[in-house]
PDB file of N, CA and C in Angstrom:
ATOM      1  N   UNK A   1     -14.517   4.888 -18.712  1.00  0.00           N
ATOM      2  CA  UNK A   1     -13.394   5.349 -17.829  1.00  0.00           C
ATOM      3  C   UNK A   1     -13.465   4.295 -16.580  1.00  0.00           C
ATOM      4  N   UNK A   2     -12.329   3.952 -16.138  1.00  0.00           N
ATOM      5  CA  UNK A   2     -12.057   3.155 -15.031  1.00  0.00           C
ATOM      6  C   UNK A   2     -12.293   3.883 -13.694  1.00  0.00           C
ATOM      7  N   UNK A   3     -13.031   3.242 -12.860  1.00  0.00           N
ATOM      8  CA  UNK A   3     -13.302   4.018 -11.512  1.00  0.00           C
ATOM      9  C   UNK A   3     -12.093   4.034 -10.712  1.00  0.00           C
ATOM     10  N   UNK A   4     -11.784   5.211 -10.132  1.00  0.00           N
ATOM     11  CA  UNK A   4     -10.664   5.359  -9.400  1.00  0.00           C
ATOM     12  C   UNK A   4     -10.509   4.663  -8.078  1.00  0.00           C
ATOM     13  N   UNK A   5      -9.377   4.226  -7.532  1.00  0.00           N
ATOM     14  CA  UNK A   5      -9.097   3.859  -6.303  1.00  0.00           C
ATOM     15  C   UNK A   5      -8.933   4.922  -5.346  1.00  0.00           C
ATOM     16  N   UNK A   6      -9.256   4.731  -4.029  1.00  0.00           N
ATOM     17  CA  UNK A   6      -9.175   5.743  -3.053  1.00  0.00           C
ATOM     18  C   UNK A   6      -8.096   5.456  -2.062  1.00  0.00           C
ATOM     19  N   UNK A   7      -7.159   6.440  -1.905  1.00  0.00           N
ATOM     20  CA  UNK A   7      -6.046   6.223  -1.105  1.00  0.00           C
ATOM     21  C   UNK A   7      -6.226   7.158   0.105  1.00  0.00           C
ATOM     22  N   UNK A   8      -6.421   6.592   1.318  1.00  0.00           N
ATOM     23  CA  UNK A   8      -6.256   7.487   2.540  1.00  0.00           C
ATOM     24  C   UNK A   8      -4.749   7.707   2.719  1.00  0.00           C
ATOM     25  N   UNK A   9      -4.392   8.927   2.873  1.00  0.00           N
ATOM     26  CA  UNK A   9      -2.987   9.424   2.876  1.00  0.00           C
ATOM     27  C   UNK A   9      -2.585  10.526   3.588  1.00  0.00           C
ATOM     28  N   UNK A  10      -1.320  10.765   4.008  1.00  0.00           N
ATOM     29  CA  UNK A  10      -0.772  11.953   4.483  1.00  0.00           C
ATOM     30  C   UNK A  10       0.489  12.224   3.906  1.00  0.00           C
ATOM     31  N   UNK A  11       0.928  13.386   3.582  1.00  0.00           N
ATOM     32  CA  UNK A  11       2.227  13.700   2.866  1.00  0.00           C
ATOM     33  C   UNK A  11       3.380  13.505   3.926  1.00  0.00           C
ATOM     34  N   UNK A  12       3.185  13.367   5.204  1.00  0.00           N
ATOM     35  CA  UNK A  12       4.163  13.069   6.177  1.00  0.00           C
ATOM     36  C   UNK A  12       4.524  11.649   6.441  1.00  0.00           C
ATOM     37  N   UNK A  13       3.637  10.803   5.806  1.00  0.00           N
ATOM     38  CA  UNK A  13       3.838   9.342   6.062  1.00  0.00           C
ATOM     39  C   UNK A  13       4.979   8.818   5.036  1.00  0.00           C
ATOM     40  N   UNK A  14       6.049   8.264   5.517  1.00  0.00           N
ATOM     41  CA  UNK A  14       6.995   7.585   4.627  1.00  0.00           C
ATOM     42  C   UNK A  14       6.335   6.318   3.984  1.00  0.00           C
ATOM     43  N   UNK A  15       5.480   5.729   4.645  1.00  0.00           N
ATOM     44  CA  UNK A  15       4.884   4.502   3.944  1.00  0.00           C
ATOM     45  C   UNK A  15       3.896   4.910   2.872  1.00  0.00           C
ATOM     46  N   UNK A  16       3.240   6.016   3.034  1.00  0.00           N
ATOM     47  CA  UNK A  16       2.432   6.654   1.919  1.00  0.00           C
ATOM     48  C   UNK A  16       3.329   6.949   0.699  1.00  0.00           C
ATOM     49  N   UNK A  17       4.523   7.629   0.965  1.00  0.00           N
ATOM     50  CA  UNK A  17       5.304   8.115  -0.048  1.00  0.00           C
ATOM     51  C   UNK A  17       5.903   6.844  -0.746  1.00  0.00           C
ATOM     52  N   UNK A  18       6.138   5.843  -0.135  1.00  0.00           N
ATOM     53  CA  UNK A  18       6.738   4.549  -0.690  1.00  0.00           C
ATOM     54  C   UNK A  18       5.628   4.012  -1.637  1.00  0.00           C
ATOM     55  N   UNK A  19       4.338   3.895  -1.334  1.00  0.00           N
ATOM     56  CA  UNK A  19       3.430   3.297  -2.281  1.00  0.00           C
ATOM     57  C   UNK A  19       3.137   4.305  -3.439  1.00  0.00           C
ATOM     58  N   UNK A  20       3.225   5.536  -3.073  1.00  0.00           N
ATOM     59  CA  UNK A  20       3.025   6.456  -4.317  1.00  0.00           C
ATOM     60  C   UNK A  20       4.004   6.446  -5.253  1.00  0.00           C
ATOM     61  N   UNK A  21       5.296   6.248  -4.750  1.00  0.00           N
ATOM     62  CA  UNK A  21       6.422   5.982  -5.793  1.00  0.00           C
ATOM     63  C   UNK A  21       6.066   4.772  -6.579  1.00  0.00           C
ATOM     64  N   UNK A  22       5.684   3.766  -6.128  1.00  0.00           N
ATOM     65  CA  UNK A  22       5.352   2.511  -6.705  1.00  0.00           C
ATOM     66  C   UNK A  22       4.249   2.832  -7.804  1.00  0.00           C
ATOM     67  N   UNK A  23       3.200   3.601  -7.259  1.00  0.00           N
ATOM     68  CA  UNK A  23       2.135   3.903  -8.280  1.00  0.00           C
ATOM     69  C   UNK A  23       2.499   4.681  -9.331  1.00  0.00           C
ATOM     70  N   UNK A  24       3.480   5.644  -9.211  1.00  0.00           N
ATOM     71  CA  UNK A  24       4.089   6.434 -10.322  1.00  0.00           C
ATOM     72  C   UNK A  24       4.934   5.522 -11.181  1.00  0.00           C
ATOM     73  N   UNK A  25       5.674   4.692 -10.714  1.00  0.00           N
ATOM     74  CA  UNK A  25       6.618   3.928 -11.469  1.00  0.00           C
ATOM     75  C   UNK A  25       5.784   2.920 -12.267  1.00  0.00           C
ATOM     76  N   UNK A  26       4.624   2.338 -11.936  1.00  0.00           N
ATOM     77  CA  UNK A  26       4.007   1.367 -12.721  1.00  0.00           C
ATOM     78  C   UNK A  26       2.811   2.022 -13.479  1.00  0.00           C
ATOM     79  N   UNK A  27       2.664   3.398 -13.332  1.00  0.00           N
ATOM     80  CA  UNK A  27       1.672   4.144 -14.216  1.00  0.00           C
ATOM     81  C   UNK A  27       0.304   4.084 -13.763  1.00  0.00           C
ATOM     82  N   UNK A  28       0.176   4.017 -12.469  1.00  0.00           N
ATOM     83  CA  UNK A  28      -1.275   3.945 -11.801  1.00  0.00           C
ATOM     84  C   UNK A  28      -1.580   5.235 -11.163  1.00  0.00           C
ATOM     85  N   UNK A  29      -0.671   6.216 -10.974  1.00  0.00           N
ATOM     86  CA  UNK A  29      -1.014   7.311 -10.156  1.00  0.00           C
ATOM     87  C   UNK A  29      -2.165   8.124 -10.591  1.00  0.00           C
ATOM     88  N   UNK A  30      -2.550   8.032 -11.856  1.00  0.00           N
ATOM     89  CA  UNK A  30      -3.807   8.780 -12.282  1.00  0.00           C
ATOM     90  C   UNK A  30      -4.985   8.091 -12.046  1.00  0.00           C
ATOM     91  N   UNK A  31      -4.933   6.766 -11.492  1.00  0.00           N
ATOM     92  CA  UNK A  31      -6.081   5.940 -11.181  1.00  0.00           C
ATOM     93  C   UNK A  31      -6.374   5.988  -9.733  1.00  0.00           C
ATOM     94  N   UNK A  32      -5.649   6.879  -9.019  1.00  0.00           N
ATOM     95  CA  UNK A  32      -5.766   6.965  -7.547  1.00  0.00           C
ATOM     96  C   UNK A  32      -6.319   8.309  -7.026  1.00  0.00           C
ATOM     97  N   UNK A  33      -7.487   8.259  -6.538  1.00  0.00           N
ATOM     98  CA  UNK A  33      -7.875   9.576  -5.781  1.00  0.00           C
ATOM     99  C   UNK A  33      -7.335   9.545  -4.401  1.00  0.00           C
ATOM    100  N   UNK A  34      -6.932  10.676  -3.898  1.00  0.00           N
ATOM    101  CA  UNK A  34      -6.437  10.678  -2.482  1.00  0.00           C
ATOM    102  C   UNK A  34      -7.218  11.586  -1.695  1.00  0.00           C
ATOM    103  N   UNK A  35      -7.310  11.057  -0.400  1.00  0.00           N
ATOM    104  CA  UNK A  35      -8.048  11.851   0.616  1.00  0.00           C
ATOM    105  C   UNK A  35      -7.082  11.975   1.940  1.00  0.00           C
ATOM    106  N   UNK A  36      -6.863  13.206   2.180  1.00  0.00           N
ATOM    107  CA  UNK A  36      -5.920  13.406   3.336  1.00  0.00           C
ATOM    108  C   UNK A  36      -6.618  12.967   4.639  1.00  0.00           C
ATOM    109  N   UNK A  37      -5.973  12.059   5.332  1.00  0.00           N
ATOM    110  CA  UNK A  37      -6.558  11.454   6.488  1.00  0.00           C
ATOM    111  C   UNK A  37      -5.574  11.627   7.750  1.00  0.00           C
ATOM    112  N   UNK A  38      -6.140  12.153   8.852  1.00  0.00           N
ATOM    113  CA  UNK A  38      -5.275  12.276   9.926  1.00  0.00           C
ATOM    114  C   UNK A  38      -5.302  11.050  10.924  1.00  0.00           C
ATOM    115  N   UNK A  39      -4.190  10.542  11.248  1.00  0.00           N
ATOM    116  CA  UNK A  39      -4.089   9.337  12.226  1.00  0.00           C
ATOM    117  C   UNK A  39      -3.174   9.831  13.285  1.00  0.00           C
ATOM    118  N   UNK A  40      -3.287   9.275  14.442  1.00  0.00           N
ATOM    119  CA  UNK A  40      -2.436   9.434  15.647  1.00  0.00           C
ATOM    120  C   UNK A  40      -2.549   8.236  16.590  1.00  0.00           C
ATOM    121  N   UNK A  41      -1.411   7.825  17.019  1.00  0.00           N
ATOM    122  CA  UNK A  41      -1.474   6.543  17.936  1.00  0.00           C
ATOM    123  C   UNK A  41      -2.333   6.784  19.120  1.00  0.00           C
ATOM    124  N   UNK A  42      -2.349   8.036  19.664  1.00  0.00           N
ATOM    125  CA  UNK A  42      -3.183   8.233  20.943  1.00  0.00           C
ATOM    126  C   UNK A  42      -4.571   8.525  20.564  1.00  0.00           C
ATOM    127  N   UNK A  43      -4.875   8.863  19.390  1.00  0.00           N
ATOM    128  CA  UNK A  43      -6.390   9.262  18.991  1.00  0.00           C
ATOM    129  C   UNK A  43      -6.610   8.571  17.655  1.00  0.00           C
ATOM    130  N   UNK A  44      -7.112   7.219  17.641  1.00  0.00           N
ATOM    131  CA  UNK A  44      -7.404   6.667  16.226  1.00  0.00           C
ATOM    132  C   UNK A  44      -8.456   7.433  15.584  1.00  0.00           C
ATOM    133  N   UNK A  45      -8.432   7.247  14.136  1.00  0.00           N
ATOM    134  CA  UNK A  45      -9.352   7.858  13.323  1.00  0.00           C
ATOM    135  C   UNK A  45     -10.578   6.943  13.241  1.00  0.00           C
ATOM    136  N   UNK A  46     -11.625   7.218  13.879  1.00  0.00           N
ATOM    137  CA  UNK A  46     -12.908   6.413  13.964  1.00  0.00           C
ATOM    138  C   UNK A  46     -13.433   6.065  12.650  1.00  0.00           C
ATOM    139  N   UNK A  47     -13.397   7.009  11.633  1.00  0.00           N
ATOM    140  CA  UNK A  47     -13.876   6.762  10.269  1.00  0.00           C
ATOM    141  C   UNK A  47     -13.035   5.897   9.492  1.00  0.00           C
ATOM    142  N   UNK A  48     -11.631   6.107   9.669  1.00  0.00           N
ATOM    143  CA  UNK A  48     -10.816   5.119   9.071  1.00  0.00           C
ATOM    144  C   UNK A  48     -10.845   3.769   9.541  1.00  0.00           C
ATOM    145  N   UNK A  49     -11.017   3.559  10.854  1.00  0.00           N
ATOM    146  CA  UNK A  49     -11.236   2.322  11.449  1.00  0.00           C
ATOM    147  C   UNK A  49     -12.301   1.400  10.872  1.00  0.00           C
ATOM    148  N   UNK A  50     -13.357   1.997  10.372  1.00  0.00           N
ATOM    149  CA  UNK A  50     -14.418   1.311   9.721  1.00  0.00           C
ATOM    150  C   UNK A  50     -13.901   0.581   8.448  1.00  0.00           C
ATOM    151  N   UNK A  51     -12.864   1.037   7.785  1.00  0.00           N
ATOM    152  CA  UNK A  51     -12.214   0.302   6.674  1.00  0.00           C
ATOM    153  C   UNK A  51     -10.941  -0.338   7.038  1.00  0.00           C
ATOM    154  N   UNK A  52     -10.196   0.241   8.037  1.00  0.00           N
ATOM    155  CA  UNK A  52      -8.863  -0.453   8.480  1.00  0.00           C
ATOM    156  C   UNK A  52      -8.745  -0.419   9.882  1.00  0.00           C
ATOM    157  N   UNK A  53      -8.990  -1.559  10.527  1.00  0.00           N
ATOM    158  CA  UNK A  53      -9.020  -1.638  12.064  1.00  0.00           C
ATOM    159  C   UNK A  53      -7.818  -1.071  12.705  1.00  0.00           C
ATOM    160  N   UNK A  54      -6.588  -1.068  11.940  1.00  0.00           N
ATOM    161  CA  UNK A  54      -5.414  -0.666  12.534  1.00  0.00           C
ATOM    162  C   UNK A  54      -5.437   0.856  12.604  1.00  0.00           C
ATOM    163  N   UNK A  55      -6.289   1.553  11.853  1.00  0.00           N
ATOM    164  CA  UNK A  55      -6.257   3.039  11.725  1.00  0.00           C
ATOM    165  C   UNK A  55      -4.847   3.537  11.283  1.00  0.00           C
ATOM    166  N   UNK A  56      -4.297   2.861  10.302  1.00  0.00           N
ATOM    167  CA  UNK A  56      -3.007   3.362   9.815  1.00  0.00           C
ATOM    168  C   UNK A  56      -2.984   3.662   8.396  1.00  0.00           C
ATOM    169  N   UNK A  57      -1.979   4.514   7.859  1.00  0.00           N
ATOM    170  CA  UNK A  57      -1.898   4.930   6.556  1.00  0.00           C
ATOM    171  C   UNK A  57      -0.603   4.190   5.953  1.00  0.00           C
ATOM    172  N   UNK A  58      -0.730   3.920   4.603  1.00  0.00           N
ATOM    173  CA  UNK A  58      -1.766   4.164   3.846  1.00  0.00           C
ATOM    174  C   UNK A  58      -2.934   3.076   3.756  1.00  0.00           C
ATOM    175  N   UNK A  59      -4.183   3.531   3.528  1.00  0.00           N
ATOM    176  CA  UNK A  59      -5.159   2.536   3.243  1.00  0.00           C
ATOM    177  C   UNK A  59      -5.832   2.725   1.873  1.00  0.00           C
ATOM    178  N   UNK A  60      -5.851   1.701   1.178  1.00  0.00           N
ATOM    179  CA  UNK A  60      -6.318   1.773  -0.211  1.00  0.00           C
ATOM    180  C   UNK A  60      -7.685   1.103  -0.323  1.00  0.00           C
ATOM    181  N   UNK A  61      -8.691   1.849  -0.889  1.00  0.00           N
ATOM    182  CA  UNK A  61      -9.983   1.256  -1.162  1.00  0.00           C
ATOM    183  C   UNK A  61     -10.131   1.096  -2.780  1.00  0.00           C
ATOM    184  N   UNK A  62     -10.242  -0.180  -3.097  1.00  0.00           N
ATOM    185  CA  UNK A  62     -10.419  -0.457  -4.546  1.00  0.00           C
ATOM    186  C   UNK A  62     -11.777  -0.114  -5.077  1.00  0.00           C
ATOM    187  N   UNK A  63     -11.846   0.082  -6.362  1.00  0.00           N
ATOM    188  CA  UNK A  63     -13.182   0.318  -6.967  1.00  0.00           C
ATOM    189  C   UNK A  63     -14.322  -0.375  -6.599  1.00  0.00           C
ATOM    190  N   UNK A  64     -14.061  -1.844  -6.236  1.00  0.00           N
ATOM    191  CA  UNK A  64     -15.150  -2.754  -5.925  1.00  0.00           C
ATOM    192  C   UNK A  64     -15.321  -2.678  -4.354  1.00  0.00           C
ATOM    193  N   UNK A  65     -14.682  -1.661  -3.653  1.00  0.00           N
ATOM    194  CA  UNK A  65     -14.896  -1.659  -2.223  1.00  0.00           C
ATOM    195  C   UNK A  65     -13.912  -2.477  -1.382  1.00  0.00           C
ATOM    196  N   UNK A  66     -13.080  -3.314  -2.058  1.00  0.00           N
ATOM    197  CA  UNK A  66     -12.176  -4.079  -1.257  1.00  0.00           C
ATOM    198  C   UNK A  66     -11.103  -3.059  -0.633  1.00  0.00           C
ATOM    199  N   UNK A  67     -10.715  -3.359   0.527  1.00  0.00           N
ATOM    200  CA  UNK A  67      -9.771  -2.497   1.377  1.00  0.00           C
ATOM    201  C   UNK A  67      -8.466  -3.209   1.606  1.00  0.00           C
ATOM    202  N   UNK A  68      -7.259  -2.498   1.202  1.00  0.00           N
ATOM    203  CA  UNK A  68      -6.003  -3.154   1.328  1.00  0.00           C
ATOM    204  C   UNK A  68      -5.248  -2.043   2.153  1.00  0.00           C
ATOM    205  N   UNK A  69      -4.570  -2.691   3.173  1.00  0.00           N
ATOM    206  CA  UNK A  69      -3.620  -1.794   3.897  1.00  0.00           C
ATOM    207  C   UNK A  69      -2.298  -2.445   4.210  1.00  0.00           C
ATOM    208  N   UNK A  70      -1.372  -1.746   4.671  1.00  0.00           N
ATOM    209  CA  UNK A  70       0.073  -2.146   4.984  1.00  0.00           C
ATOM    210  C   UNK A  70       0.884  -1.813   3.550  1.00  0.00           C
ATOM    211  N   UNK A  71       1.747  -1.017   3.690  1.00  0.00           N
ATOM    212  CA  UNK A  71       2.465  -0.531   2.475  1.00  0.00           C
ATOM    213  C   UNK A  71       3.082  -1.519   1.592  1.00  0.00           C
ATOM    214  N   UNK A  72       3.670  -2.539   2.120  1.00  0.00           N
ATOM    215  CA  UNK A  72       4.282  -3.694   1.222  1.00  0.00           C
ATOM    216  C   UNK A  72       3.196  -4.319   0.420  1.00  0.00           C
ATOM    217  N   UNK A  73       1.947  -4.496   1.198  1.00  0.00           N
ATOM    218  CA  UNK A  73       0.968  -5.193   0.380  1.00  0.00           C
ATOM    219  C   UNK A  73       0.334  -4.321  -0.680  1.00  0.00           C
ATOM    220  N   UNK A  74       0.156  -3.061  -0.348  1.00  0.00           N
ATOM    221  CA  UNK A  74      -0.359  -2.185  -1.479  1.00  0.00           C
ATOM    222  C   UNK A  74       0.584  -2.011  -2.607  1.00  0.00           C
ATOM    223  N   UNK A  75       1.970  -1.871  -2.310  1.00  0.00           N
ATOM    224  CA  UNK A  75       2.929  -1.695  -3.352  1.00  0.00           C
ATOM    225  C   UNK A  75       2.904  -2.989  -4.175  1.00  0.00           C
ATOM    226  N   UNK A  76       2.881  -4.165  -3.621  1.00  0.00           N
ATOM    227  CA  UNK A  76       2.941  -5.425  -4.482  1.00  0.00           C
ATOM    228  C   UNK A  76       1.575  -5.430  -5.214  1.00  0.00           C
ATOM    229  N   UNK A  77       0.483  -4.998  -4.715  1.00  0.00           N
ATOM    230  CA  UNK A  77      -0.824  -4.933  -5.493  1.00  0.00           C
ATOM    231  C   UNK A  77      -0.685  -4.221  -6.739  1.00  0.00           C
ATOM    232  N   UNK A  78      -0.109  -2.907  -6.557  1.00  0.00           N
ATOM    233  CA  UNK A  78       0.168  -2.030  -7.614  1.00  0.00           C
ATOM    234  C   UNK A  78       1.019  -2.761  -8.681  1.00  0.00           C
ATOM    235  N   UNK A  79       1.988  -3.370  -8.219  1.00  0.00           N
ATOM    236  CA  UNK A  79       2.968  -4.032  -9.193  1.00  0.00           C
ATOM    237  C   UNK A  79       2.237  -5.124  -9.970  1.00  0.00           C
ATOM    238  N   UNK A  80       1.283  -5.794  -9.330  1.00  0.00           N
ATOM    239  CA  UNK A  80       0.500  -6.865  -9.889  1.00  0.00           C
ATOM    240  C   UNK A  80      -0.331  -6.292 -10.981  1.00  0.00           C
ATOM    241  N   UNK A  81      -0.690  -5.096 -11.074  1.00  0.00           N
ATOM    242  CA  UNK A  81      -1.420  -4.471 -12.131  1.00  0.00           C
ATOM    243  C   UNK A  81      -0.530  -3.962 -13.241  1.00  0.00           C
ATOM    244  N   UNK A  82       0.663  -3.986 -13.027  1.00  0.00           N
ATOM    245  CA  UNK A  82       1.613  -3.426 -13.892  1.00  0.00           C
ATOM    246  C   UNK A  82       1.793  -4.353 -15.055  1.00  0.00           C
ATOM    247  N   UNK A  83       1.657  -3.948 -16.339  1.00  0.00           N
ATOM    248  CA  UNK A  83       1.740  -4.715 -17.442  1.00  0.00           C
ATOM    249  C   UNK A  83       3.184  -4.656 -17.948  1.00  0.00           C
ATOM    250  N   UNK A  84       4.088  -3.866 -17.495  1.00  0.00           N
ATOM    251  CA  UNK A  84       5.463  -3.689 -17.950  1.00  0.00           C
ATOM    252  C   UNK A  84       6.342  -4.613 -17.087  1.00  0.00           C
ATOM    253  N   UNK A  85       7.566  -4.067 -17.026  1.00  0.00           N
ATOM    254  CA  UNK A  85       8.574  -4.765 -16.250  1.00  0.00           C
ATOM    255  C   UNK A  85       8.226  -4.760 -14.742  1.00  0.00           C
ATOM    256  N   UNK A  86       8.385  -5.681 -13.951  1.00  0.00           N
ATOM    257  CA  UNK A  86       7.869  -5.914 -12.604  1.00  0.00           C
ATOM    258  C   UNK A  86       8.905  -5.181 -11.632  1.00  0.00           C
ATOM    259  N   UNK A  87       8.456  -4.585 -10.566  1.00  0.00           N
ATOM    260  CA  UNK A  87       9.362  -4.051  -9.532  1.00  0.00           C
ATOM    261  C   UNK A  87       9.635  -5.053  -8.480  1.00  0.00           C
ATOM    262  N   UNK A  88       8.797  -6.065  -8.295  1.00  0.00           N
ATOM    263  CA  UNK A  88       8.996  -7.169  -7.327  1.00  0.00           C
ATOM    264  C   UNK A  88       9.329  -8.448  -8.131  1.00  0.00           C
ATOM    265  N   UNK A  89      10.213  -9.174  -7.537  1.00  0.00           N
ATOM    266  CA  UNK A  89      10.573 -10.426  -8.291  1.00  0.00           C
ATOM    267  C   UNK A  89       9.511 -11.337  -8.214  1.00  0.00           C
ATOM    268  N   UNK A  90       9.354 -12.215  -9.294  1.00  0.00           N
ATOM    269  CA  UNK A  90       8.359 -13.298  -9.311  1.00  0.00           C
ATOM    270  C   UNK A  90       8.742 -14.476  -8.398  1.00  0.00           C
ATOM    271  N   UNK A  91       9.915 -14.643  -8.129  1.00  0.00           N
ATOM    272  CA  UNK A  91      10.403 -15.663  -7.193  1.00  0.00           C
ATOM    273  C   UNK A  91      11.639 -15.247  -6.556  1.00  0.00           C
ATOM    274  N   UNK A  92      12.060 -15.825  -5.357  1.00  0.00           N
ATOM    275  CA  UNK A  92      13.268 -15.451  -4.616  1.00  0.00           C
ATOM    276  C   UNK A  92      14.225 -16.629  -4.511  1.00  0.00           C
ATOM    277  N   UNK A  93      15.479 -16.198  -4.261  1.00  0.00           N
ATOM    278  CA  UNK A  93      16.543 -17.151  -4.147  1.00  0.00           C
ATOM    279  C   UNK A  93      16.204 -18.284  -3.198  1.00  0.00           C
ATOM    280  N   UNK A  94      16.721 -19.524  -3.373  1.00  0.00           N
ATOM    281  CA  UNK A  94      16.507 -20.569  -2.448  1.00  0.00           C
ATOM    282  C   UNK A  94      16.851 -20.274  -1.064  1.00  0.00           C
ATOM    283  N   UNK A  95      15.907 -20.596  -0.036  1.00  0.00           N
ATOM    284  CA  UNK A  95      16.152 -20.348   1.263  1.00  0.00           C
ATOM    285  C   UNK A  95      15.640 -18.942   1.776  1.00  0.00           C
ATOM    286  N   UNK A  96      15.206 -18.056   0.840  1.00  0.00           N
ATOM    287  CA  UNK A  96      14.754 -16.811   1.160  1.00  0.00           C
ATOM    288  C   UNK A  96      13.197 -16.714   0.818  1.00  0.00           C
ATOM    289  N   UNK A  97      12.334 -16.625   1.839  1.00  0.00           N
ATOM    290  CA  UNK A  97      10.879 -16.575   1.647  1.00  0.00           C
ATOM    291  C   UNK A  97      10.562 -15.165   1.223  1.00  0.00           C
ATOM    292  N   UNK A  98       9.406 -15.022   0.597  1.00  0.00           N
ATOM    293  CA  UNK A  98       8.875 -13.717   0.235  1.00  0.00           C
ATOM    294  C   UNK A  98       8.745 -12.875   1.395  1.00  0.00           C
ATOM    295  N   UNK A  99       8.308 -13.351   2.397  1.00  0.00           N
ATOM    296  CA  UNK A  99       8.176 -12.586   3.799  1.00  0.00           C
ATOM    297  C   UNK A  99       9.611 -12.085   4.258  1.00  0.00           C
ATOM    298  N   UNK A 100      10.606 -12.986   4.242  1.00  0.00           N
ATOM    299  CA  UNK A 100      11.872 -12.554   4.694  1.00  0.00           C
ATOM    300  C   UNK A 100      12.475 -11.506   3.785  1.00  0.00           C
ATOM    301  N   UNK A 101      12.245 -11.671   2.513  1.00  0.00           N
ATOM    302  CA  UNK A 101      12.677 -10.575   1.574  1.00  0.00           C
ATOM    303  C   UNK A 101      11.920  -9.261   1.836  1.00  0.00           C
ATOM    304  N   UNK A 102      10.661  -9.307   2.135  1.00  0.00           N
ATOM    305  CA  UNK A 102       9.852  -8.065   2.406  1.00  0.00           C
ATOM    306  C   UNK A 102      10.421  -7.480   3.724  1.00  0.00           C
ATOM    307  N   UNK A 103      10.740  -8.289   4.700  1.00  0.00           N
ATOM    308  CA  UNK A 103      11.295  -7.663   5.996  1.00  0.00           C
ATOM    309  C   UNK A 103      12.416  -6.959   5.716  1.00  0.00           C
ATOM    310  N   UNK A 104      13.404  -7.675   5.035  1.00  0.00           N
ATOM    311  CA  UNK A 104      14.693  -7.010   4.875  1.00  0.00           C
ATOM    312  C   UNK A 104      14.615  -5.797   3.895  1.00  0.00           C
ATOM    313  N   UNK A 105      13.592  -5.757   3.223  1.00  0.00           N
ATOM    314  CA  UNK A 105      13.570  -4.534   2.204  1.00  0.00           C
ATOM    315  C   UNK A 105      12.763  -3.314   2.935  1.00  0.00           C
ATOM    316  N   UNK A 106      11.947  -3.713   3.852  1.00  0.00           N
ATOM    317  CA  UNK A 106      11.168  -2.691   4.621  1.00  0.00           C
ATOM    318  C   UNK A 106      11.317  -2.596   6.011  1.00  0.00           C
ATOM    319  N   UNK A 107      12.297  -3.446   6.631  1.00  0.00           N
ATOM    320  CA  UNK A 107      12.517  -3.451   8.021  1.00  0.00           C
ATOM    321  C   UNK A 107      11.262  -3.604   8.847  1.00  0.00           C
ATOM    322  N   UNK A 108      10.421  -4.449   8.375  1.00  0.00           N
ATOM    323  CA  UNK A 108       9.067  -4.544   9.102  1.00  0.00           C
ATOM    324  C   UNK A 108       9.026  -5.874   9.870  1.00  0.00           C
ATOM    325  N   UNK A 109       8.251  -5.918  10.979  1.00  0.00           N
ATOM    326  CA  UNK A 109       8.242  -7.004  11.720  1.00  0.00           C
ATOM    327  C   UNK A 109       6.919  -7.660  11.802  1.00  0.00           C
ATOM    328  N   UNK A 110       6.333  -7.725  10.505  1.00  0.00           N
ATOM    329  CA  UNK A 110       4.926  -8.257  10.498  1.00  0.00           C
ATOM    330  C   UNK A 110       5.061  -9.796  10.444  1.00  0.00           C
ATOM    331  N   UNK A 111       4.321 -10.618  11.253  1.00  0.00           N
ATOM    332  CA  UNK A 111       4.453 -12.069  11.155  1.00  0.00           C
ATOM    333  C   UNK A 111       3.845 -12.625   9.925  1.00  0.00           C
ATOM    334  N   UNK A 112       4.435 -13.655   9.350  1.00  0.00           N
ATOM    335  CA  UNK A 112       4.039 -14.141   8.032  1.00  0.00           C
ATOM    336  C   UNK A 112       3.216 -15.402   8.437  1.00  0.00           C
TER     337      UNK A 112
END
């Protein structure tokens, strides 16, 4: 049996819901154990900060201990494990970088 990944999550987070939709779509939902984790801007979660210095959700801990955070990164990681039809394109149209496409899809402002 494959060791499960651990997802720090909250049902109120739209970012968690986004990555869980991807997990279900690519057939990985049964490989993810979830732990409800409380985070607040005014009161960072000290335990979560040991794995994710931003203290944000979602945070994914892989079976080997590697930690991934930021919902677009987790969603694309899940898609990379997908053996079926991909949710993310392998390449983007000329003049449109992967980061620019991610920004328009998620309205994020993470520097590339």
